[in-house]
Protein backbone atom coordinates (compact mmCIF):
# COMPACT_ATOMS: atom_id res chain seq x y z
CA MET A 1 113.28 140.54 135.07
CA SER A 2 112.64 138.34 132.44
CA ARG A 3 109.52 137.87 130.24
CA ALA A 4 108.56 134.34 129.79
CA SER A 5 108.49 133.10 126.56
CA PRO A 6 105.51 132.64 124.42
CA PRO A 7 103.80 129.65 124.10
CA ILE A 8 104.98 127.52 120.60
CA ILE A 9 102.22 126.90 119.34
CA VAL A 10 99.00 128.78 118.97
CA ALA A 11 95.59 128.02 117.80
CA GLU A 12 92.74 130.14 118.15
CA LYS A 13 89.11 129.82 117.18
CA LEU A 14 90.27 127.12 114.78
CA GLY A 15 87.42 125.69 112.19
CA LYS A 16 87.80 123.56 109.41
CA SER A 17 84.30 122.66 107.27
CA PHE A 18 84.36 120.28 104.21
CA GLN A 19 81.71 120.11 101.51
CA LEU A 20 80.43 116.75 100.95
CA GLY A 21 79.17 115.35 97.79
CA GLU A 22 81.46 115.20 94.53
CA ILE A 23 82.48 118.88 94.27
CA HIS A 24 84.75 118.24 91.59
CA ARG A 25 82.66 116.73 89.03
CA ASP A 26 81.08 118.27 86.06
CA TRP A 27 78.68 121.59 87.53
CA ALA A 28 76.06 120.73 84.68
CA ALA A 29 75.59 117.04 85.25
CA ARG A 30 75.47 117.60 89.22
CA LEU A 31 72.86 120.27 88.20
CA PHE A 32 70.59 117.61 86.48
CA ARG A 33 71.05 115.39 88.78
CA ARG A 34 70.13 117.39 91.46
CA GLY A 35 67.55 119.53 90.07
CA ALA A 36 67.68 123.12 89.26
CA HIS A 37 66.71 124.51 92.67
CA ALA A 38 69.40 121.79 94.09
CA GLY A 39 71.30 123.87 96.66
CA PRO A 40 74.88 123.76 97.90
CA ALA A 41 76.77 120.69 98.80
CA PRO A 42 75.91 120.36 102.70
CA LEU A 43 79.40 120.98 104.61
CA LEU A 44 80.84 119.02 107.29
CA GLN A 45 82.23 120.41 110.07
CA ALA A 46 85.56 119.23 111.19
CA LEU A 47 86.63 121.57 113.69
CA CYS A 48 85.10 124.27 115.52
CA ASP A 49 86.18 127.01 117.57
CA VAL A 50 89.55 125.16 118.70
CA ASP A 51 91.44 127.09 121.31
CA PHE A 52 94.71 125.92 122.75
CA SER A 53 98.16 126.59 123.31
CA VAL A 54 101.77 124.62 124.00
CA GLU A 55 104.84 125.59 125.84
CA GLU A 56 108.06 124.96 124.50
CA GLY A 57 109.34 121.58 125.45
CA GLU A 58 105.93 120.26 126.28
CA VAL A 59 104.46 116.72 125.31
CA PHE A 60 100.99 117.46 124.60
CA GLY A 61 98.42 114.78 123.84
CA ILE A 62 94.95 114.98 121.45
CA ILE A 63 92.38 112.46 122.18
CA GLY A 64 89.22 111.53 120.78
CA ALA A 65 87.04 109.16 119.12
CA ASN A 66 87.14 108.26 115.40
CA GLY A 67 86.03 111.38 113.31
CA ALA A 68 86.50 113.64 116.19
CA GLY A 69 88.81 115.87 114.61
CA LYS A 70 92.56 114.74 115.42
CA SER A 71 94.28 114.33 112.12
CA THR A 72 92.34 117.84 110.12
CA LEU A 73 93.68 119.59 113.66
CA LEU A 74 97.57 118.13 112.93
CA LYS A 75 96.95 118.82 109.14
CA ILE A 76 96.30 122.32 109.86
CA LEU A 77 99.32 122.49 112.30
CA ALA A 78 101.53 120.72 109.96
CA GLY A 79 100.45 123.25 106.94
CA ILE A 80 99.45 120.55 104.60
CA THR A 81 95.52 122.23 104.96
CA ASP A 82 94.41 125.53 105.38
CA PRO A 83 92.03 126.55 108.06
CA SER A 84 88.24 127.51 107.51
CA SER A 85 88.01 129.94 110.25
CA GLY A 86 91.21 131.32 112.89
CA ARG A 87 94.56 130.96 112.48
CA ALA A 88 97.23 128.72 113.92
CA VAL A 89 100.90 129.69 114.78
CA LEU A 90 103.89 127.68 115.52
CA ARG A 91 107.20 129.04 115.83
CA GLY A 92 110.01 126.96 114.94
CA ARG A 93 110.69 124.02 112.30
CA ILE A 94 108.43 121.39 112.62
CA ALA A 95 108.50 117.27 111.11
CA SER A 96 105.20 115.54 110.75
CA LEU A 97 104.31 111.88 111.02
CA LEU A 98 100.81 112.03 110.06
CA GLU A 99 100.03 109.33 107.52
CA VAL A 100 102.53 106.24 106.07
CA GLY A 101 104.70 107.92 103.53
CA THR A 102 104.27 111.48 104.00
CA GLY A 103 106.81 113.64 102.95
CA PHE A 104 108.58 110.80 100.69
CA HIS A 105 109.24 110.77 97.08
CA PRO A 106 108.40 107.19 95.88
CA GLU A 107 110.85 107.25 93.10
CA LEU A 108 113.55 108.29 95.44
CA THR A 109 115.85 105.95 97.46
CA GLY A 110 115.65 105.80 101.65
CA ARG A 111 119.09 107.60 101.51
CA GLU A 112 118.06 110.04 98.74
CA ASN A 113 114.42 111.08 100.81
CA VAL A 114 116.75 111.14 104.22
CA PHE A 115 118.36 114.18 102.35
CA LEU A 116 115.41 115.55 100.73
CA ASN A 117 113.46 115.81 104.49
CA GLY A 118 115.99 117.43 105.48
CA THR A 119 116.32 119.98 103.16
CA ILE A 120 112.77 120.79 103.92
CA LEU A 121 113.51 121.47 107.32
CA GLY A 122 115.81 123.57 106.69
CA LEU A 123 118.98 121.85 107.49
CA HIS A 124 122.21 121.99 105.96
CA ARG A 125 124.02 118.96 104.07
CA ARG A 126 126.52 118.98 106.53
CA GLU A 127 124.15 118.54 109.19
CA ILE A 128 122.19 115.86 107.58
CA ARG A 129 125.49 113.82 107.30
CA GLU A 130 126.16 114.15 110.70
CA GLU A 131 122.93 112.29 111.75
CA TYR A 132 122.73 110.01 108.63
CA GLY A 133 124.22 106.70 110.73
CA ARG A 134 121.94 107.45 113.52
CA ILE A 135 118.79 107.53 111.29
CA VAL A 136 119.80 104.56 109.66
CA GLU A 137 120.37 102.59 112.93
CA PHE A 138 117.47 103.85 114.44
CA ALA A 139 115.29 102.45 111.50
CA GLY A 140 117.25 99.48 111.05
CA LEU A 141 117.05 99.50 107.32
CA GLU A 142 120.95 99.68 106.85
CA LYS A 143 120.01 96.80 103.77
CA PHE A 144 117.48 98.86 101.93
CA MET A 145 118.75 102.61 102.34
CA ASP A 146 119.36 102.28 98.29
CA THR A 147 116.25 100.71 97.41
CA PRO A 148 113.17 103.36 96.34
CA VAL A 149 110.75 103.71 99.15
CA LYS A 150 107.76 102.83 96.73
CA ARG A 151 109.42 99.06 97.06
CA TYR A 152 109.27 99.24 100.89
CA SER A 153 106.65 98.27 103.48
CA SER A 154 104.26 100.50 105.42
CA GLY A 155 106.07 99.48 108.55
CA MET A 156 109.50 100.26 107.02
CA GLN A 157 108.29 103.48 105.49
CA VAL A 158 107.27 104.46 109.13
CA ARG A 159 110.59 103.02 110.24
CA LEU A 160 112.64 105.71 108.21
CA ALA A 161 110.22 108.62 108.49
CA PHE A 162 109.99 108.35 112.14
CA ALA A 163 113.79 107.60 112.65
CA VAL A 164 114.16 110.95 109.93
CA ALA A 165 111.84 112.97 112.22
CA ALA A 166 113.55 112.42 115.48
CA HIS A 167 116.76 113.11 114.67
CA LEU A 168 116.93 116.11 112.09
CA ARG A 169 116.11 118.35 115.23
CA PRO A 170 112.54 120.01 114.72
CA GLU A 171 111.79 122.56 117.11
CA ILE A 172 108.16 120.72 116.80
CA LEU A 173 107.38 116.82 116.21
CA LEU A 174 103.95 116.13 115.14
CA VAL A 175 102.72 112.34 115.38
CA ASP A 176 99.51 110.97 114.42
CA GLU A 177 98.59 107.40 114.78
CA VAL A 178 100.86 106.43 112.18
CA LEU A 179 102.72 104.74 114.92
CA ALA A 180 100.25 101.69 115.16
CA VAL A 181 101.59 100.91 111.83
CA GLY A 182 105.33 99.47 113.37
CA ASP A 183 105.84 96.41 115.11
CA ILE A 184 105.77 96.16 119.23
CA ALA A 185 109.80 96.59 119.68
CA PHE A 186 109.61 99.48 116.99
CA GLN A 187 106.68 101.38 119.06
CA ARG A 188 108.39 101.26 122.31
CA LYS A 189 111.63 102.32 120.45
CA CYS A 190 109.54 105.35 119.25
CA LEU A 191 108.13 106.14 122.53
CA GLY A 192 111.55 106.36 124.42
CA ALA A 193 112.70 108.71 121.52
CA MET A 194 110.08 111.11 121.77
CA LYS A 195 110.46 111.22 125.53
CA GLU A 196 114.39 112.32 124.74
CA VAL A 197 112.90 114.56 122.23
CA ALA A 198 110.69 116.47 124.62
CA GLY A 199 113.74 115.95 127.05
CA GLY A 200 115.79 118.34 124.69
CA GLY A 201 113.51 120.92 124.65
CA ARG A 202 111.64 120.57 121.56
CA THR A 203 107.87 120.18 121.51
CA VAL A 204 105.89 117.13 120.83
CA LEU A 205 102.04 116.70 119.84
CA PHE A 206 100.98 113.19 119.93
CA VAL A 207 97.69 111.71 118.55
CA SER A 208 97.05 108.73 119.67
CA HIS A 209 94.11 106.04 120.99
CA ASN A 210 97.05 104.40 123.11
CA MET A 211 95.98 105.59 126.38
CA ALA A 212 98.67 103.91 128.26
CA ALA A 213 100.75 105.86 125.99
CA VAL A 214 99.81 109.14 126.21
CA SER A 215 99.41 109.01 129.83
CA ASN A 216 103.16 107.82 129.99
CA LEU A 217 104.29 110.46 127.70
CA CYS A 218 102.31 113.61 127.78
CA ASP A 219 102.06 116.16 130.60
CA ARG A 220 98.70 117.90 129.21
CA VAL A 221 96.12 116.47 127.28
CA LEU A 222 93.12 117.93 124.88
CA MET A 223 90.03 115.70 124.13
CA LEU A 224 88.10 116.47 120.98
CA ARG A 225 84.09 115.57 120.33
CA GLN A 226 82.67 116.08 117.17
CA GLY A 227 85.30 118.82 116.36
CA ARG A 228 84.98 120.61 119.63
CA VAL A 229 87.17 120.86 122.36
CA ALA A 230 85.51 118.72 125.04
CA ALA A 231 88.53 119.14 127.98
CA ILE A 232 92.19 120.15 128.24
CA GLY A 233 94.43 119.36 131.38
CA PRO A 234 96.57 117.17 133.14
CA ALA A 235 97.09 113.85 131.13
CA ASP A 236 95.10 111.68 133.66
CA GLU A 237 92.37 113.73 134.36
CA VAL A 238 91.59 114.28 130.67
CA ILE A 239 91.72 110.39 130.12
CA GLN A 240 89.64 109.45 132.73
CA ALA A 241 87.29 111.48 131.02
CA TYR A 242 87.55 110.48 127.86
CA ILE A 243 87.28 106.68 129.22
CA HIS A 244 83.57 107.82 130.63
CA SER A 245 82.72 109.42 127.62
CA THR A 246 83.56 106.46 125.58
CA GLU A 247 81.38 103.93 128.25
CA ASP A 248 78.80 101.39 126.49
CA SER A 249 75.49 103.43 125.82
CA ARG A 250 73.09 100.73 125.47
CA ALA A 251 70.11 101.21 127.96
CA LEU A 252 69.60 99.13 130.76
CA ASP A 253 66.31 97.09 131.64
CA GLY A 254 64.08 97.69 134.53
CA ARG A 255 66.39 94.93 136.40
CA GLY A 256 69.77 97.24 135.89
CA TYR A 257 70.83 94.39 132.89
CA VAL A 258 72.95 95.27 130.36
CA SER A 259 71.45 93.14 127.02
CA PHE A 260 74.60 92.01 124.64
CA HIS A 261 72.34 91.42 121.48
CA PRO A 262 72.94 92.08 118.72
CA ARG A 263 76.21 90.63 118.30
CA GLN A 264 77.96 87.90 116.23
CA PRO A 265 79.41 84.62 117.55
CA VAL A 266 83.38 84.45 118.37
CA LEU A 267 83.36 81.51 116.25
CA PRO A 268 80.84 80.86 113.15
CA GLN A 269 78.38 78.79 114.39
CA ALA A 270 79.26 79.08 117.68
CA PRO A 271 75.98 79.30 120.23
CA LEU A 272 75.32 82.74 121.83
CA LEU A 273 74.98 81.57 125.36
CA LEU A 274 75.70 85.34 127.14
CA GLN A 275 72.42 87.07 126.89
CA ALA A 276 73.04 90.10 129.61
CA ALA A 277 74.79 91.32 132.95
CA ARG A 278 74.67 93.71 135.43
CA LEU A 279 76.41 94.32 138.74
CA VAL A 280 74.38 94.46 141.99
CA ASP A 281 75.19 95.50 145.55
CA GLU A 282 74.82 93.39 148.57
CA GLU A 283 70.71 94.39 148.60
CA GLU A 284 70.66 93.16 145.09
CA ARG A 285 70.44 97.36 143.52
CA PRO A 286 72.01 97.24 140.24
CA VAL A 287 75.26 99.84 140.87
CA SER A 288 77.90 100.63 138.45
CA SER A 289 80.69 101.07 141.13
CA ALA A 290 82.76 99.01 143.88
CA GLN A 291 84.72 99.88 146.98
CA THR A 292 88.27 98.62 147.25
CA GLY A 293 88.38 96.07 149.52
CA GLY A 294 84.36 95.31 148.87
CA ALA A 295 82.73 92.67 147.04
CA LEU A 296 82.22 93.05 143.35
CA ARG A 297 79.12 91.07 142.59
CA VAL A 298 78.13 90.05 139.17
CA ASP A 299 74.84 88.42 137.28
CA VAL A 300 74.99 86.91 134.13
CA ARG A 301 72.05 85.45 132.16
CA LEU A 302 72.53 82.53 129.87
CA GLU A 303 69.98 80.62 127.70
CA GLY A 304 71.33 77.27 126.44
CA PHE A 305 74.25 76.84 128.79
CA ASP A 306 72.60 73.55 130.60
CA ARG A 307 73.84 72.17 127.33
CA TYR A 308 77.27 72.30 128.16
CA PRO A 309 77.41 70.54 131.47
CA SER A 310 81.01 71.05 131.47
CA ALA A 311 81.25 74.53 130.79
CA VAL A 312 82.53 77.26 133.38
CA VAL A 313 81.16 81.05 133.32
CA GLY A 314 84.21 83.69 134.13
CA LEU A 315 85.16 87.07 133.89
CA THR A 316 88.26 89.36 133.20
CA VAL A 317 88.66 92.67 134.38
CA ARG A 318 90.99 95.07 132.81
CA SER A 319 92.18 98.41 133.29
CA VAL A 320 91.57 101.29 130.65
CA PHE A 321 94.63 100.87 129.18
CA ASP A 322 93.26 97.08 128.15
CA GLN A 323 95.66 95.71 130.90
CA LYS A 324 94.59 92.30 131.56
CA ILE A 325 94.50 92.58 135.53
CA PHE A 326 92.63 89.33 136.69
CA HIS A 327 90.53 86.82 135.69
CA PHE A 328 87.98 84.57 137.65
CA ASN A 329 85.48 81.98 136.66
CA SER A 330 82.98 79.43 138.82
CA ALA A 331 85.52 76.53 138.66
CA MET A 332 87.89 78.39 140.45
CA ALA A 333 84.63 78.87 143.49
CA GLY A 334 84.24 74.79 142.97
CA GLY A 335 81.66 74.77 140.69
CA PHE A 336 77.94 74.45 140.44
CA GLY A 337 77.31 71.07 142.13
CA PRO A 338 74.49 68.75 141.34
CA VAL A 339 71.47 71.00 140.64
CA PRO A 340 69.18 71.07 138.29
CA ARG A 341 69.12 72.67 135.08
CA HIS A 342 67.41 75.13 132.80
CA PRO A 343 67.12 76.19 129.44
CA GLY A 344 67.68 79.63 131.20
CA GLU A 345 69.65 80.76 133.93
CA LYS A 346 71.49 83.24 135.81
CA VAL A 347 74.88 82.73 137.39
CA ARG A 348 76.17 84.83 140.29
CA LEU A 349 79.88 85.93 140.52
CA GLU A 350 81.19 87.27 143.35
CA ILE A 351 84.48 88.47 144.38
CA GLN A 352 85.30 89.42 147.80
CA ALA A 353 87.51 91.86 148.92
CA LEU A 354 88.10 93.13 145.65
CA PRO A 355 91.94 93.97 145.10
CA LEU A 356 91.40 97.13 142.54
CA MET A 357 92.96 100.69 143.55
CA ALA A 358 90.72 103.18 142.56
CA GLY A 359 89.70 104.10 139.07
CA ALA A 360 87.74 103.13 136.30
CA TYR A 361 87.44 99.55 134.80
CA SER A 362 85.78 97.10 132.45
CA MET A 363 85.04 93.34 132.33
CA ASP A 364 84.96 90.92 129.55
CA LEU A 365 82.36 87.58 130.06
CA LEU A 366 83.12 84.29 129.00
CA VAL A 367 82.11 80.92 128.57
CA PHE A 368 84.49 78.17 128.03
CA GLU A 369 85.23 74.06 128.69
CA PRO A 370 88.64 74.25 130.42
CA GLY A 371 91.57 72.69 128.05
CA VAL A 372 88.91 71.97 125.48
CA ARG A 373 87.23 75.53 123.95
CA LEU A 374 85.85 78.76 124.26
CA ILE A 375 82.07 78.88 123.77
CA ASP A 376 81.17 82.25 123.66
CA ARG A 377 82.71 85.92 124.69
CA VAL A 378 81.55 89.15 125.33
CA ASP A 379 84.43 91.87 125.49
CA GLY A 380 84.23 95.01 127.33
CA VAL A 381 80.43 94.67 128.25
CA LEU A 382 80.45 96.17 131.26
CA GLN A 383 82.46 99.41 132.54
CA PHE A 384 82.52 100.20 136.51
CA ASP A 385 84.49 102.38 138.37
CA VAL A 386 86.16 101.29 142.03
CA ILE A 387 86.32 104.01 144.74
CA GLU A 388 88.71 104.26 147.11
CA SER A 389 87.45 103.32 151.23
CA ASP A 390 89.99 103.31 154.21
CA LEU A 391 91.12 99.57 153.30
CA TYR A 392 93.88 99.95 156.05
CA GLY A 393 91.72 101.06 158.60
CA ASN A 394 94.18 103.82 159.17
CA GLY A 395 92.85 106.59 157.01
CA TYR A 396 95.69 105.99 153.80
CA ARG A 397 93.77 105.91 151.14
CA GLY A 398 96.02 104.71 148.18
CA GLU A 399 96.28 106.05 144.78
CA ALA A 400 95.99 104.75 141.31
CA ARG A 401 99.45 105.97 140.51
CA GLU A 402 101.26 103.45 143.20
CA GLY A 403 99.72 100.66 140.91
CA LEU A 404 96.05 99.00 140.45
CA ILE A 405 96.18 96.19 142.95
CA ALA A 406 95.77 96.87 146.81
CA VAL A 407 97.35 94.51 148.84
CA GLN A 408 97.50 94.19 152.69
CA GLY A 409 100.41 92.77 154.72
CA GLU A 410 102.02 93.88 157.91
CA CYS A 411 105.23 95.99 159.08
CA ALA A 412 107.52 96.54 161.79
CA ILE A 413 110.81 98.47 163.04
CA GLU A 414 113.41 97.66 165.48
CA GLY A 415 116.91 98.87 166.69
CA VAL A 416 120.14 97.79 165.26
CA GLU A 417 122.60 96.86 167.82
CA ASP A 418 126.29 97.65 166.16
CA ASP A 419 128.09 94.66 165.66
CA PRO A 420 131.26 94.70 168.80
């Protein structure tokens, strides 16, 4: 019986602490400034008891809010910094893209840095020459390979660094949010290359705030919160947990409204018309969810809206990946008609037969004069869940992986006679 190969990456009780304060200044100056009985500088616990393992050939995502410890974890795995406690074991050559320019000597040319990086990875000069043409073509920097890297823009450095890391065959590729520096076309190119790297049996650890990229690339995901493992498991499940953990935590008032203040206007001197909003059910009770095929009702409170008689109130619903799914506004519903206006008003926007698959969504609210100008806008102010329902009346329940929009239609089948 063959024995399963051990994980290619194992982290056991990893911890990392940083001492705060000016620890490198003269100790006597610090002593007089703090006082003779001052204690040691406080510690920041960046990572604490982080445990996980990654199998060979797996694309493993790491997500979390800013300051959660993601980059610190990758630097430990890359050998850039040592853990304060625990250990990390990696089997194989490692290539890492953690910061713009990491691993490049600024005085050397792009060509020289390619060979330097390949040598650091343990490759022979012949192996580097075999891949050199593909690296240059992927990076799109043919004209600049004999130019010192210190003259490259950050985007050019990222292009070359990723091309080197992807083509010099490391067993383990560590990628931080550095890809966000490149343009959209190059980001897509990089994501495709990472899929190819993983398809070739190599292992990728991918840190990103781009949940769509994490979902498309990763088999499993680790979520960090304040330096600790908050969740680990299948990508879509952990992403949903992360989205819920970052929802707006502002308190609701007694009637279920979320206040939009304090905030800045969308343009200098623009009015802050939007005050608060809530979701309600058919009995006017505040809710945080709606059903597929049911109604979505939004109450929006405004002040000073009466000064803009031609303006409309609208909402935009977005997916957890910040994709705009649909927009609806008061003009689409026929407007408000000749009704008395008041300094303080409430607008009800209602969408019947909500065409969304089950999942988590967010909502932007805006006030604008059609074809003229945007007056006020608040993004991502309401987070809500859509719950599956028996939309089709036959027990079939659609899944989010089938798409975000639930449509209804008809089908028929009949026999076809062969032509004589």
